[in-house]
Amino acid sequence: MDKKWHFNVHDKDDGILRHLTDGVSARIFGGEQMTVSIVELDPGASSPLHSHTQEQWGFMVEGDAVRILGNEEVSMKKGDFWQTPGDVPHGMVAGPNGAIVIDVFAPPRREYMESGSGFGSGGEDDT
């Protein structure tokens, strides 16, 4: 098999690097049917409310945060995971220790397959 298929959440040299907003960065891994994003939030950093067509699942690897989904705000801790339907406004505010989140998008977020800054086309971010 020629394509790399093994990765590590903490290996900062893996993936396509994107700076999403102040205090929020992501490493992107693209597949045929989904996109995986390892998102790191600095303490107190926030991802603004946004939406996208893809369904999104998130998993809190380290730290804690408040997850905003529509009009709900729920505290998330290490080990928690959540589902976000497509086109539903959502965001996150990291706790005092920051957070590492794995986001999975289906279908893939093609606009995330290039390194750089910003949220891809349409000015949207993940998390």
C-alpha atoms as a PDB file:
ATOM      1  CA  MET A   1       0.000   0.000   0.000  1.00  0.00           C
ATOM      2  CA  ASP A   2       1.558   3.299  -1.122  1.00  0.00           C
ATOM      3  CA  LYS A   3      -0.638   5.767   0.770  1.00  0.00           C
ATOM      4  CA  LYS A   4       0.074   6.454   4.455  1.00  0.00           C
ATOM      5  CA  TRP A   5      -2.686   4.970   6.594  1.00  0.00           C
ATOM      6  CA  HIS A   6      -1.385   5.315  10.186  1.00  0.00           C
ATOM      7  CA  PHE A   7      -1.472   8.629  12.091  1.00  0.00           C
ATOM      8  CA  ASN A   8      -1.201   9.970  15.663  1.00  0.00           C
ATOM      9  CA  VAL A   9      -3.332  12.691  17.250  1.00  0.00           C
ATOM     10  CA  HIS A  10      -0.289  14.290  18.896  1.00  0.00           C
ATOM     11  CA  ASP A  11       2.072  14.210  15.870  1.00  0.00           C
ATOM     12  CA  LYS A  12       2.106  17.868  14.804  1.00  0.00           C
ATOM     13  CA  ASP A  13       3.965  16.985  11.581  1.00  0.00           C
ATOM     14  CA  ASP A  14       1.041  14.917  10.262  1.00  0.00           C
ATOM     15  CA  GLY A  15      -1.812  16.296   8.175  1.00  0.00           C
ATOM     16  CA  ILE A  16      -2.553  19.482   6.295  1.00  0.00           C
ATOM     17  CA  LEU A  17      -2.153  22.467   8.615  1.00  0.00           C
ATOM     18  CA  ARG A  18      -4.871  25.144   8.728  1.00  0.00           C
ATOM     19  CA  HIS A  19      -4.987  28.155  11.048  1.00  0.00           C
ATOM     20  CA  LEU A  20      -8.749  28.609  11.531  1.00  0.00           C
ATOM     21  CA  THR A  21      -8.908  31.665  13.789  1.00  0.00           C
ATOM     22  CA  ASP A  22      -7.006  33.166  16.732  1.00  0.00           C
ATOM     23  CA  GLY A  23      -6.137  30.314  19.084  1.00  0.00           C
ATOM     24  CA  VAL A  24      -7.688  27.593  16.902  1.00  0.00           C
ATOM     25  CA  SER A  25      -5.693  25.430  14.493  1.00  0.00           C
ATOM     26  CA  ALA A  26      -6.412  22.170  12.710  1.00  0.00           C
ATOM     27  CA  ARG A  27      -4.576  19.349  11.009  1.00  0.00           C
ATOM     28  CA  ILE A  28      -6.642  17.861   8.196  1.00  0.00           C
ATOM     29  CA  PHE A  29      -6.689  14.265   6.924  1.00  0.00           C
ATOM     30  CA  GLY A  30      -8.721  13.544   3.807  1.00  0.00           C
ATOM     31  CA  GLY A  31     -10.307  10.245   2.887  1.00  0.00           C
ATOM     32  CA  GLU A  32     -12.555   9.079   0.101  1.00  0.00           C
ATOM     33  CA  GLN A  33     -15.784   9.305   2.114  1.00  0.00           C
ATOM     34  CA  MET A  34     -14.915  11.589   5.044  1.00  0.00           C
ATOM     35  CA  THR A  35     -12.538  14.220   6.394  1.00  0.00           C
ATOM     36  CA  VAL A  36     -10.862  14.003   9.813  1.00  0.00           C
ATOM     37  CA  SER A  37      -9.714  17.201  11.510  1.00  0.00           C
ATOM     38  CA  ILE A  38      -7.574  17.338  14.654  1.00  0.00           C
ATOM     39  CA  VAL A  39      -8.477  20.704  16.174  1.00  0.00           C
ATOM     40  CA  GLU A  40      -6.431  22.363  18.918  1.00  0.00           C
ATOM     41  CA  LEU A  41      -7.971  25.228  20.881  1.00  0.00           C
ATOM     42  CA  ASP A  42      -5.865  27.414  23.165  1.00  0.00           C
ATOM     43  CA  PRO A  43      -7.257  28.124  26.648  1.00  0.00           C
ATOM     44  CA  GLY A  44     -10.375  30.298  26.296  1.00  0.00           C
ATOM     45  CA  ALA A  45     -10.239  30.285  22.475  1.00  0.00           C
ATOM     46  CA  SER A  46     -13.518  30.096  20.605  1.00  0.00           C
ATOM     47  CA  SER A  47     -14.847  28.881  17.310  1.00  0.00           C
ATOM     48  CA  PRO A  48     -17.612  31.252  16.177  1.00  0.00           C
ATOM     49  CA  LEU A  49     -21.094  29.987  15.411  1.00  0.00           C
ATOM     50  CA  HIS A  50     -21.200  28.608  11.875  1.00  0.00           C
ATOM     51  CA  SER A  51     -22.778  25.846   9.820  1.00  0.00           C
ATOM     52  CA  HIS A  52     -21.879  23.666   6.839  1.00  0.00           C
ATOM     53  CA  THR A  53     -23.670  21.043   4.781  1.00  0.00           C
ATOM     54  CA  GLN A  54     -21.627  18.104   6.104  1.00  0.00           C
ATOM     55  CA  GLU A  55     -22.677  16.026   9.092  1.00  0.00           C
ATOM     56  CA  GLN A  56     -20.006  16.331  11.800  1.00  0.00           C
ATOM     57  CA  TRP A  57     -19.047  14.122  14.722  1.00  0.00           C
ATOM     58  CA  GLY A  58     -16.654  15.440  17.393  1.00  0.00           C
ATOM     59  CA  PHE A  59     -14.661  13.713  20.146  1.00  0.00           C
ATOM     60  CA  MET A  60     -12.960  15.520  23.061  1.00  0.00           C
ATOM     61  CA  VAL A  61      -9.468  13.994  23.313  1.00  0.00           C
ATOM     62  CA  GLU A  62      -8.000  16.396  25.891  1.00  0.00           C
ATOM     63  CA  GLY A  63      -9.204  19.371  27.909  1.00  0.00           C
ATOM     64  CA  ASP A  64     -12.737  20.703  28.178  1.00  0.00           C
ATOM     65  CA  ALA A  65     -14.999  23.178  26.445  1.00  0.00           C
ATOM     66  CA  VAL A  66     -18.539  24.411  26.047  1.00  0.00           C
ATOM     67  CA  ARG A  67     -20.141  23.051  22.871  1.00  0.00           C
ATOM     68  CA  ILE A  68     -22.820  25.230  21.328  1.00  0.00           C
ATOM     69  CA  LEU A  69     -25.399  23.537  19.086  1.00  0.00           C
ATOM     70  CA  GLY A  70     -28.285  25.712  17.950  1.00  0.00           C
ATOM     71  CA  ASN A  71     -29.587  27.324  21.161  1.00  0.00           C
ATOM     72  CA  GLU A  72     -28.011  24.752  23.518  1.00  0.00           C
ATOM     73  CA  GLU A  73     -24.724  25.074  25.402  1.00  0.00           C
ATOM     74  CA  VAL A  74     -23.295  21.888  26.933  1.00  0.00           C
ATOM     75  CA  SER A  75     -20.070  21.430  28.913  1.00  0.00           C
ATOM     76  CA  MET A  76     -17.820  18.799  27.325  1.00  0.00           C
ATOM     77  CA  LYS A  77     -14.948  16.970  28.996  1.00  0.00           C
ATOM     78  CA  LYS A  78     -12.318  14.447  27.938  1.00  0.00           C
ATOM     79  CA  GLY A  79     -14.056  11.375  26.528  1.00  0.00           C
ATOM     80  CA  ASP A  80     -17.284  13.121  25.492  1.00  0.00           C
ATOM     81  CA  PHE A  81     -18.397  13.053  21.865  1.00  0.00           C
ATOM     82  CA  TRP A  82     -21.243  14.623  19.904  1.00  0.00           C
ATOM     83  CA  GLN A  83     -23.074  14.702  16.592  1.00  0.00           C
ATOM     84  CA  THR A  84     -23.877  17.828  14.588  1.00  0.00           C
ATOM     85  CA  PRO A  85     -26.331  17.562  11.697  1.00  0.00           C
ATOM     86  CA  GLY A  86     -25.539  19.448   8.502  1.00  0.00           C
ATOM     87  CA  ASP A  87     -26.671  23.079   8.306  1.00  0.00           C
ATOM     88  CA  VAL A  88     -27.127  23.469  12.103  1.00  0.00           C
ATOM     89  CA  PRO A  89     -25.274  26.452  13.676  1.00  0.00           C
ATOM     90  CA  HIS A  90     -22.593  25.350  16.146  1.00  0.00           C
ATOM     91  CA  GLY A  91     -19.395  26.491  17.837  1.00  0.00           C
ATOM     92  CA  MET A  92     -17.143  25.897  20.842  1.00  0.00           C
ATOM     93  CA  VAL A  93     -15.401  27.809  23.637  1.00  0.00           C
ATOM     94  CA  ALA A  94     -12.359  26.101  25.149  1.00  0.00           C
ATOM     95  CA  GLY A  95     -11.957  25.819  28.895  1.00  0.00           C
ATOM     96  CA  PRO A  96      -9.006  27.114  30.947  1.00  0.00           C
ATOM     97  CA  ASN A  97      -6.734  24.253  29.831  1.00  0.00           C
ATOM     98  CA  GLY A  98      -7.622  24.400  26.150  1.00  0.00           C
ATOM     99  CA  ALA A  99      -8.828  21.400  24.187  1.00  0.00           C
ATOM    100  CA  ILE A 100      -7.955  18.859  21.522  1.00  0.00           C
ATOM    101  CA  VAL A 101     -10.915  17.656  19.461  1.00  0.00           C
ATOM    102  CA  ILE A 102     -11.191  15.121  16.663  1.00  0.00           C
ATOM    103  CA  ASP A 103     -13.861  16.174  14.148  1.00  0.00           C
ATOM    104  CA  VAL A 104     -15.103  13.816  11.440  1.00  0.00           C
ATOM    105  CA  PHE A 105     -17.064  15.182   8.462  1.00  0.00           C
ATOM    106  CA  ALA A 106     -19.125  13.270   5.928  1.00  0.00           C
ATOM    107  CA  PRO A 107     -19.192  13.816   3.067  1.00  0.00           C
ATOM    108  CA  PRO A 108     -15.620  15.191   2.935  1.00  0.00           C
ATOM    109  CA  ARG A 109     -14.821  18.884   3.435  1.00  0.00           C
ATOM    110  CA  ARG A 110     -12.984  19.328   0.133  1.00  0.00           C
ATOM    111  CA  GLU A 111     -12.269  23.017   0.887  1.00  0.00           C
ATOM    112  CA  TYR A 112     -10.070  21.876   3.808  1.00  0.00           C
ATOM    113  CA  MET A 113      -7.652  19.927   1.632  1.00  0.00           C
ATOM    114  CA  GLU A 114      -5.223  22.853   1.240  1.00  0.00           C
ATOM    115  CA  SER A 115      -2.907  24.249   3.886  1.00  0.00           C
ATOM    116  CA  GLY A 116      -3.193  27.875   4.870  1.00  0.00           C
ATOM    117  CA  SER A 117      -5.347  30.184   6.910  1.00  0.00           C
ATOM    118  CA  GLY A 118      -9.075  30.555   7.156  1.00  0.00           C
ATOM    119  CA  PHE A 119     -12.069  28.339   7.151  1.00  0.00           C
ATOM    120  CA  GLY A 120     -12.196  27.244   3.525  1.00  0.00           C
ATOM    121  CA  SER A 121     -14.787  28.442   1.055  1.00  0.00           C
ATOM    122  CA  GLY A 122     -17.687  30.409   2.465  1.00  0.00           C
ATOM    123  CA  GLY A 123     -15.778  31.534   5.581  1.00  0.00           C
ATOM    124  CA  GLU A 124     -16.948  28.589   7.684  1.00  0.00           C
ATOM    125  CA  ASP A 125     -14.849  26.706  10.205  1.00  0.00           C
ATOM    126  CA  ASP A 126     -15.041  23.365  12.001  1.00  0.00           C
ATOM    127  CA  THR A 127     -15.329  22.405  15.637  1.00  0.00           C
END
